[in-house]
Structure formats: structure tokens, C-alpha cells
Amino acid sequence: MQTYWWVFVGGGLGSVCRYGLAQAGAALRIELPFATFTANVLSCFVLGIASAYFLRHEPDNPSWRLFATTGFCGGFSTFSTFTNETMLLFQQGQAVWGLANVLFNIVACWGALYVGFRLGMH
């Protein structure tokens, strides 16, 4: 039962951080959903660092790993919001921005995860 608590607390913290980022980014008024993009990239970076760290330093202690990876990163990033915002761009006739959103998110998130993992291994 304790593992559920760690995921719950981490997820809540990640969700609050994502909401704060969305509020802070609302004033930017750019076509690409920047707050979701930023949350996804940062989450992938943190996930990379956390995954590498826990793999090397605490492979048998799931509490902090679950807090950071499943909880915080799961609550901070959001595939459903990314998908919805992309669909809205297409529905609004902004196919170029919709495709750019998909490309930017996939490339940047993969890169952030890779860099984070490499940094976490040191």
C-alpha cells in the first residue's frame, strides 16, 4: 500500500507543477502549445536522470523511484493533453502547426530523455 502513496504524492506534485507551468505560459500566445511541450520535455529529462540514477544507486528501493518516475513524471507530462492540442490545431486548419507539434514533441522528448539518462549515469 505504501507504494501507492508514493505514486499518489509524486503525481499530485507533478500535476501541480504542470498546472503552474500552463498558467505561466498562457501569456506567450504562440500557435504551438508551448506549456505542454515544455512539461513533456522537462518530464522526459527528469525521467532520464531518475531512471539512470535509480538503476545505478537504488535498484532495490522502489519508493523514491516510484515517486519520481511513475508519480512526478507521470503527473507532470501529459500525452492526452498533447494529443488533444494537436487535434485542435488540425481542426482549426493549422495542419502545419499540428505536424510541427508532433515532430517537436517526439524529437525533443526523446532527446531530453537521452541526455537526462546519460547525465544520470555519471
Protein backbone atom coordinates (compact mmCIF):
# COMPACT_ATOMS: atom_id res chain seq x y z
CA MET A 1 0.00 0.00 0.00
CA GLN A 2 2.92 2.33 0.70
CA THR A 3 3.97 2.24 -2.96
CA TYR A 4 0.58 3.68 -3.96
CA TRP A 5 1.17 6.55 -1.55
CA TRP A 6 4.49 7.43 -3.20
CA VAL A 7 2.90 7.42 -6.65
CA PHE A 8 -0.04 9.50 -5.38
CA VAL A 9 2.14 12.17 -3.78
CA GLY A 10 4.53 12.34 -6.75
CA GLY A 11 1.65 12.51 -9.22
CA GLY A 12 -0.01 15.31 -7.27
CA LEU A 13 3.19 17.32 -7.17
CA GLY A 14 3.78 16.75 -10.89
CA SER A 15 0.22 17.82 -11.73
CA VAL A 16 0.51 20.99 -9.67
CA CYS A 17 3.80 21.82 -11.41
CA ARG A 18 2.21 21.23 -14.81
CA TYR A 19 -0.72 23.49 -13.92
CA GLY A 20 1.67 26.21 -12.75
CA LEU A 21 3.66 25.93 -15.96
CA ALA A 22 0.46 26.22 -18.02
CA GLN A 23 -0.57 29.33 -16.08
CA ALA A 24 2.86 30.91 -16.50
CA GLY A 25 2.96 30.10 -20.22
CA ALA A 26 -0.55 31.35 -21.03
CA ALA A 27 0.72 34.86 -21.70
CA LEU A 28 3.05 33.72 -24.51
CA ARG A 29 0.21 33.38 -27.07
CA ILE A 30 2.07 31.31 -29.64
CA GLU A 31 0.48 28.81 -32.01
CA LEU A 32 2.32 25.77 -30.65
CA PRO A 33 1.05 24.54 -27.25
CA PHE A 34 4.25 25.62 -25.50
CA ALA A 35 3.35 24.76 -21.89
CA THR A 36 2.52 21.13 -22.73
CA PHE A 37 5.63 20.86 -24.90
CA THR A 38 7.79 22.25 -22.08
CA ALA A 39 6.22 19.96 -19.48
CA ASN A 40 6.74 16.91 -21.69
CA VAL A 41 10.38 17.75 -22.46
CA LEU A 42 11.23 18.55 -18.83
CA SER A 43 9.45 15.41 -17.68
CA CYS A 44 11.42 13.27 -20.11
CA PHE A 45 14.65 14.88 -18.94
CA VAL A 46 13.81 14.23 -15.27
CA LEU A 47 12.68 10.69 -16.14
CA GLY A 48 16.01 10.03 -17.86
CA ILE A 49 18.02 11.26 -14.89
CA ALA A 50 15.83 9.43 -12.35
CA SER A 51 15.83 6.17 -14.30
CA ALA A 52 19.61 6.15 -14.62
CA TYR A 53 20.12 7.18 -11.00
CA PHE A 54 17.84 4.52 -9.55
CA LEU A 55 19.24 1.89 -11.87
CA ARG A 56 22.75 2.55 -10.53
CA HIS A 57 22.17 3.58 -6.93
CA GLU A 58 18.97 2.15 -5.52
CA PRO A 59 17.67 -0.69 -7.69
CA ASP A 60 16.04 -2.44 -4.74
CA ASN A 61 14.31 0.57 -3.16
CA PRO A 62 11.16 1.33 -5.18
CA SER A 63 9.72 4.14 -3.03
CA TRP A 64 11.68 7.12 -4.35
CA ARG A 65 11.81 5.64 -7.86
CA LEU A 66 8.02 5.37 -7.93
CA PHE A 67 7.67 8.89 -6.52
CA ALA A 68 9.95 10.39 -9.19
CA THR A 69 9.18 8.31 -12.28
CA THR A 70 5.62 6.99 -12.14
CA GLY A 71 4.35 9.72 -9.80
CA PHE A 72 6.01 13.05 -10.59
CA CYS A 73 6.88 12.45 -14.25
CA GLY A 74 3.53 10.80 -14.89
CA GLY A 75 1.69 13.75 -13.36
CA PHE A 76 3.90 16.41 -14.94
CA SER A 77 3.83 15.17 -18.53
CA THR A 78 0.63 14.53 -20.38
CA PHE A 79 0.14 12.63 -23.58
CA SER A 80 -3.61 13.19 -23.54
CA THR A 81 -3.24 16.99 -23.47
CA PHE A 82 -0.61 16.85 -26.20
CA THR A 83 -2.93 14.73 -28.34
CA ASN A 84 -5.93 16.99 -27.72
CA GLU A 85 -3.99 20.17 -28.51
CA THR A 86 -2.65 18.60 -31.68
CA MET A 87 -6.15 17.55 -32.76
CA LEU A 88 -7.42 21.08 -32.12
CA LEU A 89 -4.67 22.53 -34.31
CA PHE A 90 -5.77 20.24 -37.16
CA GLN A 91 -9.45 21.07 -36.60
CA GLN A 92 -8.61 24.78 -36.76
CA GLY A 93 -6.99 24.27 -40.16
CA GLN A 94 -3.46 24.65 -38.81
CA ALA A 95 -2.06 21.39 -40.15
CA VAL A 96 1.50 22.74 -40.34
CA TRP A 97 1.42 23.64 -36.62
CA GLY A 98 -0.19 20.29 -35.83
CA LEU A 99 2.57 18.39 -37.60
CA ALA A 100 5.20 20.67 -36.06
CA ASN A 101 3.75 19.96 -32.61
CA VAL A 102 4.05 16.21 -33.16
CA LEU A 103 7.58 16.46 -34.55
CA PHE A 104 8.85 18.89 -31.90
CA ASN A 105 7.43 16.83 -29.03
CA ILE A 106 8.77 13.50 -30.23
CA VAL A 107 12.24 14.73 -31.15
CA ALA A 108 12.69 17.00 -28.13
CA CYS A 109 11.31 14.48 -25.62
CA TRP A 110 13.44 11.66 -26.97
CA GLY A 111 16.49 13.93 -26.88
CA ALA A 112 15.72 15.13 -23.35
CA LEU A 113 15.27 11.57 -22.09
CA TYR A 114 18.54 10.51 -23.69
CA VAL A 115 20.50 13.47 -22.29
CA GLY A 116 18.93 13.03 -18.86
CA PHE A 117 19.75 9.32 -18.81
CA ARG A 118 23.33 9.96 -19.85
CA LEU A 119 23.73 12.64 -17.17
CA GLY A 120 22.18 10.35 -14.58
CA MET A 121 24.68 7.62 -15.34
CA HIS A 122 27.55 9.80 -14.11
